[in-house]
Amino acid sequence: MSLQVSLRTGESQESLLLRFQKAVQHSGILREIKTHSYYVSRGEATRMKAKKNARKRRRQTFEHKSY
């Protein structure tokens, strides 16, 4: 996956860098690198997925409670 950000006319290097950082965040490259930075067994992956889903359900039920 290649990511290209070219310098626009009259654009400073700081704004070019900000556009590049936003493009990297939007493309999900860093998230992909973090997930593949170490080996995760199939069982561990399912446990992590279940834990993530439980946390997500807790947040959703907390938001929908009316006090």
PDB file of N, CA and C in Angstrom:
ATOM      1  N   MET A   1       0.857  -1.164   0.000  1.00  0.00           N
ATOM      2  CA  MET A   1       0.000   0.000   0.000  1.00  0.00           C
ATOM      3  C   MET A   1       0.901   1.224   0.000  1.00  0.00           C
ATOM      4  N   SER A   2       0.768   2.069  -1.012  1.00  0.00           N
ATOM      5  CA  SER A   2       1.581   3.278  -1.023  1.00  0.00           C
ATOM      6  C   SER A   2       0.698   4.476  -0.718  1.00  0.00           C
ATOM      7  N   LEU A   3       1.274   5.423  -0.061  1.00  0.00           N
ATOM      8  CA  LEU A   3       0.563   6.628   0.342  1.00  0.00           C
ATOM      9  C   LEU A   3       1.351   7.821  -0.166  1.00  0.00           C
ATOM     10  N   GLN A   4       0.724   8.655  -0.990  1.00  0.00           N
ATOM     11  CA  GLN A   4       1.432   9.799  -1.547  1.00  0.00           C
ATOM     12  C   GLN A   4       0.721  11.090  -1.163  1.00  0.00           C
ATOM     13  N   VAL A   5       1.505  12.053  -0.705  1.00  0.00           N
ATOM     14  CA  VAL A   5       1.002  13.380  -0.406  1.00  0.00           C
ATOM     15  C   VAL A   5       1.973  14.343  -1.063  1.00  0.00           C
ATOM     16  N   SER A   6       1.494  15.131  -2.008  1.00  0.00           N
ATOM     17  CA  SER A   6       2.383  16.047  -2.712  1.00  0.00           C
ATOM     18  C   SER A   6       2.192  17.471  -2.187  1.00  0.00           C
ATOM     19  N   LEU A   7       3.242  18.244  -2.310  1.00  0.00           N
ATOM     20  CA  LEU A   7       3.243  19.626  -1.827  1.00  0.00           C
ATOM     21  C   LEU A   7       2.407  20.491  -2.764  1.00  0.00           C
ATOM     22  N   ARG A   8       1.438  21.183  -2.202  1.00  0.00           N
ATOM     23  CA  ARG A   8       0.602  22.095  -2.979  1.00  0.00           C
ATOM     24  C   ARG A   8       1.301  23.447  -3.084  1.00  0.00           C
ATOM     25  N   THR A   9       0.893  24.235  -4.071  1.00  0.00           N
ATOM     26  CA  THR A   9       1.534  25.551  -4.233  1.00  0.00           C
ATOM     27  C   THR A   9       1.173  26.436  -3.046  1.00  0.00           C
ATOM     28  N   GLY A  10       2.194  27.043  -2.475  1.00  0.00           N
ATOM     29  CA  GLY A  10       1.998  27.941  -1.347  1.00  0.00           C
ATOM     30  C   GLY A  10       1.736  27.238  -0.027  1.00  0.00           C
ATOM     31  N   GLU A  11       1.920  25.918   0.025  1.00  0.00           N
ATOM     32  CA  GLU A  11       1.661  25.158   1.258  1.00  0.00           C
ATOM     33  C   GLU A  11       2.944  25.026   2.058  1.00  0.00           C
ATOM     34  N   SER A  12       2.859  25.225   3.349  1.00  0.00           N
ATOM     35  CA  SER A  12       4.037  25.072   4.197  1.00  0.00           C
ATOM     36  C   SER A  12       4.288  23.589   4.459  1.00  0.00           C
ATOM     37  N   GLN A  13       5.497  23.296   4.899  1.00  0.00           N
ATOM     38  CA  GLN A  13       5.847  21.900   5.164  1.00  0.00           C
ATOM     39  C   GLN A  13       5.110  21.360   6.386  1.00  0.00           C
ATOM     40  N   GLU A  14       4.766  22.251   7.326  1.00  0.00           N
ATOM     41  CA  GLU A  14       4.019  21.797   8.500  1.00  0.00           C
ATOM     42  C   GLU A  14       2.631  21.296   8.102  1.00  0.00           C
ATOM     43  N   SER A  15       1.970  22.049   7.220  1.00  0.00           N
ATOM     44  CA  SER A  15       0.638  21.615   6.795  1.00  0.00           C
ATOM     45  C   SER A  15       0.719  20.368   5.922  1.00  0.00           C
ATOM     46  N   LEU A  16       1.800  20.232   5.157  1.00  0.00           N
ATOM     47  CA  LEU A  16       2.011  19.013   4.376  1.00  0.00           C
ATOM     48  C   LEU A  16       2.162  17.822   5.316  1.00  0.00           C
ATOM     49  N   LEU A  17       2.938  18.003   6.375  1.00  0.00           N
ATOM     50  CA  LEU A  17       3.131  16.940   7.355  1.00  0.00           C
ATOM     51  C   LEU A  17       1.816  16.583   8.046  1.00  0.00           C
ATOM     52  N   LEU A  18       1.000  17.581   8.376  1.00  0.00           N
ATOM     53  CA  LEU A  18      -0.299  17.322   8.998  1.00  0.00           C
ATOM     54  C   LEU A  18      -1.210  16.537   8.057  1.00  0.00           C
ATOM     55  N   ARG A  19      -1.203  16.908   6.768  1.00  0.00           N
ATOM     56  CA  ARG A  19      -2.020  16.166   5.806  1.00  0.00           C
ATOM     57  C   ARG A  19      -1.552  14.725   5.686  1.00  0.00           C
ATOM     58  N   PHE A  20      -0.223  14.527   5.717  1.00  0.00           N
ATOM     59  CA  PHE A  20       0.317  13.171   5.654  1.00  0.00           C
ATOM     60  C   PHE A  20      -0.099  12.370   6.877  1.00  0.00           C
ATOM     61  N   GLN A  21      -0.002  12.961   8.060  1.00  0.00           N
ATOM     62  CA  GLN A  21      -0.379  12.264   9.286  1.00  0.00           C
ATOM     63  C   GLN A  21      -1.856  11.892   9.274  1.00  0.00           C
ATOM     64  N   LYS A  22      -2.715  12.798   8.787  1.00  0.00           N
ATOM     65  CA  LYS A  22      -4.136  12.487   8.691  1.00  0.00           C
ATOM     66  C   LYS A  22      -4.386  11.371   7.704  1.00  0.00           C
ATOM     67  N   ALA A  23      -3.655  11.361   6.597  1.00  0.00           N
ATOM     68  CA  ALA A  23      -3.814  10.308   5.595  1.00  0.00           C
ATOM     69  C   ALA A  23      -3.398   8.957   6.172  1.00  0.00           C
ATOM     70  N   VAL A  24      -2.326   8.941   6.951  1.00  0.00           N
ATOM     71  CA  VAL A  24      -1.870   7.693   7.585  1.00  0.00           C
ATOM     72  C   VAL A  24      -2.918   7.197   8.572  1.00  0.00           C
ATOM     73  N   GLN A  25      -3.483   8.102   9.382  1.00  0.00           N
ATOM     74  CA  GLN A  25      -4.517   7.716  10.342  1.00  0.00           C
ATOM     75  C   GLN A  25      -5.744   7.177   9.625  1.00  0.00           C
ATOM     76  N   HIS A  26      -6.155   7.857   8.566  1.00  0.00           N
ATOM     77  CA  HIS A  26      -7.360   7.470   7.832  1.00  0.00           C
ATOM     78  C   HIS A  26      -7.183   6.120   7.131  1.00  0.00           C
ATOM     79  N   SER A  27      -5.979   5.845   6.641  1.00  0.00           N
ATOM     80  CA  SER A  27      -5.758   4.595   5.916  1.00  0.00           C
ATOM     81  C   SER A  27      -5.658   3.395   6.851  1.00  0.00           C
ATOM     82  N   GLY A  28      -5.349   3.607   8.121  1.00  0.00           N
ATOM     83  CA  GLY A  28      -5.278   2.506   9.076  1.00  0.00           C
ATOM     84  C   GLY A  28      -3.969   1.757   9.051  1.00  0.00           C
ATOM     85  N   ILE A  29      -2.922   2.358   8.530  1.00  0.00           N
ATOM     86  CA  ILE A  29      -1.624   1.690   8.438  1.00  0.00           C
ATOM     87  C   ILE A  29      -1.070   1.382   9.818  1.00  0.00           C
ATOM     88  N   LEU A  30      -1.137   2.341  10.729  1.00  0.00           N
ATOM     89  CA  LEU A  30      -0.578   2.129  12.074  1.00  0.00           C
ATOM     90  C   LEU A  30      -1.337   1.043  12.825  1.00  0.00           C
ATOM     91  N   ARG A  31      -2.659   1.018  12.676  1.00  0.00           N
ATOM     92  CA  ARG A  31      -3.455  -0.017  13.332  1.00  0.00           C
ATOM     93  C   ARG A  31      -3.054  -1.399  12.815  1.00  0.00           C
ATOM     94  N   GLU A  32      -2.827  -1.490  11.508  1.00  0.00           N
ATOM     95  CA  GLU A  32      -2.410  -2.750  10.894  1.00  0.00           C
ATOM     96  C   GLU A  32      -1.048  -3.190  11.426  1.00  0.00           C
ATOM     97  N   ILE A  33      -0.133  -2.256  11.564  1.00  0.00           N
ATOM     98  CA  ILE A  33       1.202  -2.586  12.067  1.00  0.00           C
ATOM     99  C   ILE A  33       1.123  -3.066  13.506  1.00  0.00           C
ATOM    100  N   LYS A  34       0.301  -2.403  14.322  1.00  0.00           N
ATOM    101  CA  LYS A  34       0.182  -2.802  15.724  1.00  0.00           C
ATOM    102  C   LYS A  34      -0.401  -4.196  15.857  1.00  0.00           C
ATOM    103  N   THR A  35      -1.382  -4.542  15.011  1.00  0.00           N
ATOM    104  CA  THR A  35      -1.984  -5.865  15.119  1.00  0.00           C
ATOM    105  C   THR A  35      -1.043  -6.962  14.662  1.00  0.00           C
ATOM    106  N   HIS A  36      -0.122  -6.657  13.761  1.00  0.00           N
ATOM    107  CA  HIS A  36       0.808  -7.661  13.257  1.00  0.00           C
ATOM    108  C   HIS A  36       2.199  -7.538  13.856  1.00  0.00           C
ATOM    109  N   SER A  37       2.351  -6.777  14.927  1.00  0.00           N
ATOM    110  CA  SER A  37       3.677  -6.599  15.500  1.00  0.00           C
ATOM    111  C   SER A  37       4.147  -7.838  16.271  1.00  0.00           C
ATOM    112  N   TYR A  38       3.203  -8.680  16.701  1.00  0.00           N
ATOM    113  CA  TYR A  38       3.582  -9.917  17.373  1.00  0.00           C
ATOM    114  C   TYR A  38       2.541 -10.982  17.061  1.00  0.00           C
ATOM    115  N   TYR A  39       2.933 -12.240  17.227  1.00  0.00           N
ATOM    116  CA  TYR A  39       2.050 -13.346  16.893  1.00  0.00           C
ATOM    117  C   TYR A  39       0.966 -13.496  17.960  1.00  0.00           C
ATOM    118  N   VAL A  40      -0.268 -13.657  17.509  1.00  0.00           N
ATOM    119  CA  VAL A  40      -1.395 -13.909  18.401  1.00  0.00           C
ATOM    120  C   VAL A  40      -2.026 -15.218  17.961  1.00  0.00           C
ATOM    121  N   SER A  41      -2.096 -16.171  18.902  1.00  0.00           N
ATOM    122  CA  SER A  41      -2.676 -17.461  18.568  1.00  0.00           C
ATOM    123  C   SER A  41      -4.173 -17.318  18.309  1.00  0.00           C
ATOM    124  N   ARG A  42      -4.738 -18.324  17.701  1.00  0.00           N
ATOM    125  CA  ARG A  42      -6.160 -18.283  17.367  1.00  0.00           C
ATOM    126  C   ARG A  42      -7.023 -18.169  18.616  1.00  0.00           C
ATOM    127  N   GLY A  43      -6.670 -18.914  19.664  1.00  0.00           N
ATOM    128  CA  GLY A  43      -7.425 -18.857  20.917  1.00  0.00           C
ATOM    129  C   GLY A  43      -7.335 -17.492  21.571  1.00  0.00           C
ATOM    130  N   GLU A  44      -6.141 -16.921  21.561  1.00  0.00           N
ATOM    131  CA  GLU A  44      -5.956 -15.597  22.142  1.00  0.00           C
ATOM    132  C   GLU A  44      -6.730 -14.552  21.347  1.00  0.00           C
ATOM    133  N   ALA A  45      -6.774 -14.700  20.032  1.00  0.00           N
ATOM    134  CA  ALA A  45      -7.512 -13.761  19.194  1.00  0.00           C
ATOM    135  C   ALA A  45      -9.004 -13.818  19.504  1.00  0.00           C
ATOM    136  N   THR A  46      -9.542 -15.025  19.713  1.00  0.00           N
ATOM    137  CA  THR A  46     -10.965 -15.132  20.031  1.00  0.00           C
ATOM    138  C   THR A  46     -11.259 -14.560  21.412  1.00  0.00           C
ATOM    139  N   ARG A  47     -10.336 -14.757  22.382  1.00  0.00           N
ATOM    140  CA  ARG A  47     -10.524 -14.174  23.714  1.00  0.00           C
ATOM    141  C   ARG A  47     -10.501 -12.654  23.646  1.00  0.00           C
ATOM    142  N   MET A  48      -9.572 -12.102  22.874  1.00  0.00           N
ATOM    143  CA  MET A  48      -9.492 -10.654  22.737  1.00  0.00           C
ATOM    144  C   MET A  48     -10.747 -10.107  22.062  1.00  0.00           C
ATOM    145  N   LYS A  49     -11.252 -10.823  21.065  1.00  0.00           N
ATOM    146  CA  LYS A  49     -12.446 -10.400  20.353  1.00  0.00           C
ATOM    147  C   LYS A  49     -13.662 -10.430  21.283  1.00  0.00           C
ATOM    148  N   ALA A  50     -13.773 -11.479  22.101  1.00  0.00           N
ATOM    149  CA  ALA A  50     -14.892 -11.584  23.036  1.00  0.00           C
ATOM    150  C   ALA A  50     -14.821 -10.468  24.077  1.00  0.00           C
ATOM    151  N   LYS A  51     -13.614 -10.176  24.550  1.00  0.00           N
ATOM    152  CA  LYS A  51     -13.439  -9.113  25.534  1.00  0.00           C
ATOM    153  C   LYS A  51     -13.814  -7.757  24.938  1.00  0.00           C
ATOM    154  N   LYS A  52     -13.418  -7.537  23.692  1.00  0.00           N
ATOM    155  CA  LYS A  52     -13.745  -6.285  23.012  1.00  0.00           C
ATOM    156  C   LYS A  52     -15.247  -6.149  22.822  1.00  0.00           C
ATOM    157  N   ASN A  53     -15.916  -7.231  22.415  1.00  0.00           N
ATOM    158  CA  ASN A  53     -17.362  -7.197  22.215  1.00  0.00           C
ATOM    159  C   ASN A  53     -18.110  -6.970  23.527  1.00  0.00           C
ATOM    160  N   ALA A  54     -17.624  -7.581  24.624  1.00  0.00           N
ATOM    161  CA  ALA A  54     -18.261  -7.388  25.927  1.00  0.00           C
ATOM    162  C   ALA A  54     -18.149  -5.927  26.354  1.00  0.00           C
ATOM    163  N   ARG A  55     -16.982  -5.332  26.145  1.00  0.00           N
ATOM    164  CA  ARG A  55     -16.782  -3.928  26.491  1.00  0.00           C
ATOM    165  C   ARG A  55     -17.707  -3.043  25.650  1.00  0.00           C
ATOM    166  N   LYS A  56     -17.844  -3.395  24.382  1.00  0.00           N
ATOM    167  CA  LYS A  56     -18.714  -2.642  23.483  1.00  0.00           C
ATOM    168  C   LYS A  56     -20.174  -2.731  23.929  1.00  0.00           C
ATOM    169  N   ARG A  57     -20.618  -3.931  24.322  1.00  0.00           N
ATOM    170  CA  ARG A  57     -21.997  -4.114  24.800  1.00  0.00           C
ATOM    171  C   ARG A  57     -22.243  -3.330  26.080  1.00  0.00           C
ATOM    172  N   ARG A  58     -21.259  -3.340  26.981  1.00  0.00           N
ATOM    173  CA  ARG A  58     -21.403  -2.589  28.229  1.00  0.00           C
ATOM    174  C   ARG A  58     -21.556  -1.103  27.959  1.00  0.00           C
ATOM    175  N   ARG A  59     -20.766  -0.585  27.048  1.00  0.00           N
ATOM    176  CA  ARG A  59     -20.862   0.832  26.712  1.00  0.00           C
ATOM    177  C   ARG A  59     -22.211   1.154  26.094  1.00  0.00           C
ATOM    178  N   GLN A  60     -22.714   0.293  25.214  1.00  0.00           N
ATOM    179  CA  GLN A  60     -23.991   0.544  24.552  1.00  0.00           C
ATOM    180  C   GLN A  60     -25.125   0.502  25.554  1.00  0.00           C
ATOM    181  N   THR A  61     -25.128  -0.439  26.479  1.00  0.00           N
ATOM    182  CA  THR A  61     -26.202  -0.518  27.463  1.00  0.00           C
ATOM    183  C   THR A  61     -26.134   0.656  28.428  1.00  0.00           C
ATOM    184  N   PHE A  62     -24.943   1.126  28.727  1.00  0.00           N
ATOM    185  CA  PHE A  62     -24.788   2.272  29.615  1.00  0.00           C
ATOM    186  C   PHE A  62     -25.353   3.524  28.953  1.00  0.00           C
ATOM    187  N   GLU A  63     -25.132   3.685  27.647  1.00  0.00           N
ATOM    188  CA  GLU A  63     -25.634   4.858  26.943  1.00  0.00           C
ATOM    189  C   GLU A  63     -27.150   4.859  26.842  1.00  0.00           C
ATOM    190  N   HIS A  64     -27.780   3.683  26.764  1.00  0.00           N
ATOM    191  CA  HIS A  64     -29.205   3.596  26.540  1.00  0.00           C
ATOM    192  C   HIS A  64     -30.021   3.624  27.835  1.00  0.00           C
ATOM    193  N   LYS A  65     -29.369   3.551  28.984  1.00  0.00           N
ATOM    194  CA  LYS A  65     -30.115   3.612  30.248  1.00  0.00           C
ATOM    195  C   LYS A  65     -30.630   5.027  30.447  1.00  0.00           C
ATOM    196  N   SER A  66     -31.860   5.120  30.901  1.00  0.00           N
ATOM    197  CA  SER A  66     -32.413   6.453  31.187  1.00  0.00           C
ATOM    198  C   SER A  66     -32.501   6.613  32.704  1.00  0.00           C
ATOM    199  N   TYR A  67     -31.967   7.685  33.198  1.00  0.00           N
ATOM    200  CA  TYR A  67     -31.965   7.916  34.640  1.00  0.00           C
ATOM    201  C   TYR A  67     -32.976   8.938  35.021  1.00  0.00           C
TER     202      TYR A  67
END
